[in-house]
């Protein structure tokens, strides 16, 4: 039954049709909220891990690797003598 038909039926019967609003708004599902919070934490963990990993890789590349290479070169030169 359409709204127009319901209105006409109500007029024929001499009644007023009222639209009832819900007593309270629908609550957000806790599962959905939990998934959003979990997604935020996973994203935060991923970004932090990437930043720490890149800083460790940069440190190893620029500071530690040249020292190791220098030690191996010194060993190679000592073995040549």
C-alpha atoms as a PDB file:
ATOM      1  CA  UNK A   1       0.000   0.000   0.000  1.00  0.00           C
ATOM      2  CA  UNK A   2       1.452   3.344  -0.965  1.00  0.00           C
ATOM      3  CA  UNK A   3       1.508   6.380   1.261  1.00  0.00           C
ATOM      4  CA  UNK A   4      -1.156   8.062  -0.846  1.00  0.00           C
ATOM      5  CA  UNK A   5      -3.482   5.072  -0.558  1.00  0.00           C
ATOM      6  CA  UNK A   6      -2.931   4.916   3.206  1.00  0.00           C
ATOM      7  CA  UNK A   7      -3.707   8.614   3.498  1.00  0.00           C
ATOM      8  CA  UNK A   8      -6.897   8.246   1.465  1.00  0.00           C
ATOM      9  CA  UNK A   9      -7.935   5.246   3.550  1.00  0.00           C
ATOM     10  CA  UNK A  10      -7.367   7.234   6.732  1.00  0.00           C
ATOM     11  CA  UNK A  11      -9.472  10.115   5.411  1.00  0.00           C
ATOM     12  CA  UNK A  12     -12.268   7.743   4.450  1.00  0.00           C
ATOM     13  CA  UNK A  13     -12.311   6.280   7.928  1.00  0.00           C
ATOM     14  CA  UNK A  14     -12.072   9.708   9.532  1.00  0.00           C
ATOM     15  CA  UNK A  15      -8.769   8.905  11.210  1.00  0.00           C
ATOM     16  CA  UNK A  16      -5.522  10.757  11.125  1.00  0.00           C
ATOM     17  CA  UNK A  17      -2.487   8.698  10.241  1.00  0.00           C
ATOM     18  CA  UNK A  18       0.604   9.618  12.168  1.00  0.00           C
ATOM     19  CA  UNK A  19       4.119   8.575  11.482  1.00  0.00           C
ATOM     20  CA  UNK A  20       5.804   7.246  14.550  1.00  0.00           C
ATOM     21  CA  UNK A  21       9.455   8.025  14.990  1.00  0.00           C
ATOM     22  CA  UNK A  22      11.661   5.448  16.661  1.00  0.00           C
ATOM     23  CA  UNK A  23      12.075   6.063  20.368  1.00  0.00           C
ATOM     24  CA  UNK A  24      15.856   6.095  20.146  1.00  0.00           C
ATOM     25  CA  UNK A  25      18.246   6.226  17.205  1.00  0.00           C
ATOM     26  CA  UNK A  26      19.787   2.940  16.096  1.00  0.00           C
ATOM     27  CA  UNK A  27      23.078   2.270  17.831  1.00  0.00           C
ATOM     28  CA  UNK A  28      26.260   1.615  15.929  1.00  0.00           C
ATOM     29  CA  UNK A  29      27.218  -2.001  15.874  1.00  0.00           C
ATOM     30  CA  UNK A  30      30.040  -2.763  18.312  1.00  0.00           C
ATOM     31  CA  UNK A  31      31.554  -5.143  15.796  1.00  0.00           C
ATOM     32  CA  UNK A  32      31.807  -2.337  13.224  1.00  0.00           C
ATOM     33  CA  UNK A  33      33.352   0.050  15.762  1.00  0.00           C
ATOM     34  CA  UNK A  34      35.783  -2.686  16.813  1.00  0.00           C
ATOM     35  CA  UNK A  35      36.830  -3.276  13.205  1.00  0.00           C
ATOM     36  CA  UNK A  36      37.465   0.448  12.720  1.00  0.00           C
ATOM     37  CA  UNK A  37      39.601   0.628  15.869  1.00  0.00           C
ATOM     38  CA  UNK A  38      41.484  -2.521  14.868  1.00  0.00           C
ATOM     39  CA  UNK A  39      42.153  -1.075  11.399  1.00  0.00           C
ATOM     40  CA  UNK A  40      43.522   2.124  12.948  1.00  0.00           C
ATOM     41  CA  UNK A  41      45.841   0.170  15.270  1.00  0.00           C
ATOM     42  CA  UNK A  42      47.096  -2.074  12.447  1.00  0.00           C
ATOM     43  CA  UNK A  43      47.756   0.945  10.236  1.00  0.00           C
ATOM     44  CA  UNK A  44      49.591   2.713  13.060  1.00  0.00           C
ATOM     45  CA  UNK A  45      51.683  -0.400  13.744  1.00  0.00           C
ATOM     46  CA  UNK A  46      52.519  -0.781  10.039  1.00  0.00           C
ATOM     47  CA  UNK A  47      53.613   2.836   9.634  1.00  0.00           C
ATOM     48  CA  UNK A  48      55.732   2.678  12.798  1.00  0.00           C
ATOM     49  CA  UNK A  49      57.353  -0.586  11.673  1.00  0.00           C
ATOM     50  CA  UNK A  50      58.166   0.869   8.263  1.00  0.00           C
ATOM     51  CA  UNK A  51      59.746   3.979   9.771  1.00  0.00           C
ATOM     52  CA  UNK A  52      61.860   1.984  12.235  1.00  0.00           C
ATOM     53  CA  UNK A  53      62.881  -0.481   9.522  1.00  0.00           C
ATOM     54  CA  UNK A  54      63.917   2.266   7.138  1.00  0.00           C
ATOM     55  CA  UNK A  55      65.911   4.079   9.799  1.00  0.00           C
ATOM     56  CA  UNK A  56      67.736   0.849  10.758  1.00  0.00           C
ATOM     57  CA  UNK A  57      68.444   0.103   7.095  1.00  0.00           C
ATOM     58  CA  UNK A  58      69.768   3.637   6.585  1.00  0.00           C
ATOM     59  CA  UNK A  59      71.996   3.373   9.651  1.00  0.00           C
ATOM     60  CA  UNK A  60      73.392   0.040   8.525  1.00  0.00           C
ATOM     61  CA  UNK A  61      73.981   1.279   4.997  1.00  0.00           C
ATOM     62  CA  UNK A  62      75.767   4.513   5.852  1.00  0.00           C
ATOM     63  CA  UNK A  63      77.609   3.695   9.091  1.00  0.00           C
ATOM     64  CA  UNK A  64      78.060  -0.033   9.632  1.00  0.00           C
ATOM     65  CA  UNK A  65      78.640  -1.300   6.082  1.00  0.00           C
ATOM     66  CA  UNK A  66      81.680   0.935   5.364  1.00  0.00           C
ATOM     67  CA  UNK A  67      83.333  -0.277   8.586  1.00  0.00           C
ATOM     68  CA  UNK A  68      82.775  -3.935   7.673  1.00  0.00           C
ATOM     69  CA  UNK A  69      84.048  -3.372   4.151  1.00  0.00           C
ATOM     70  CA  UNK A  70      87.133  -1.591   5.525  1.00  0.00           C
ATOM     71  CA  UNK A  71      87.845  -4.552   7.838  1.00  0.00           C
ATOM     72  CA  UNK A  72      87.565  -7.053   4.990  1.00  0.00           C
ATOM     73  CA  UNK A  73      89.819  -4.907   2.804  1.00  0.00           C
ATOM     74  CA  UNK A  74      92.377  -4.750   5.613  1.00  0.00           C
ATOM     75  CA  UNK A  75      92.230  -8.527   6.009  1.00  0.00           C
ATOM     76  CA  UNK A  76      92.578  -9.014   2.246  1.00  0.00           C
ATOM     77  CA  UNK A  77      95.603  -6.698   2.097  1.00  0.00           C
ATOM     78  CA  UNK A  78      97.215  -8.468   5.081  1.00  0.00           C
ATOM     79  CA  UNK A  79      96.742 -11.839   3.393  1.00  0.00           C
ATOM     80  CA  UNK A  80      98.393 -10.542   0.190  1.00  0.00           C
ATOM     81  CA  UNK A  81     101.628  -9.713   2.022  1.00  0.00           C
END
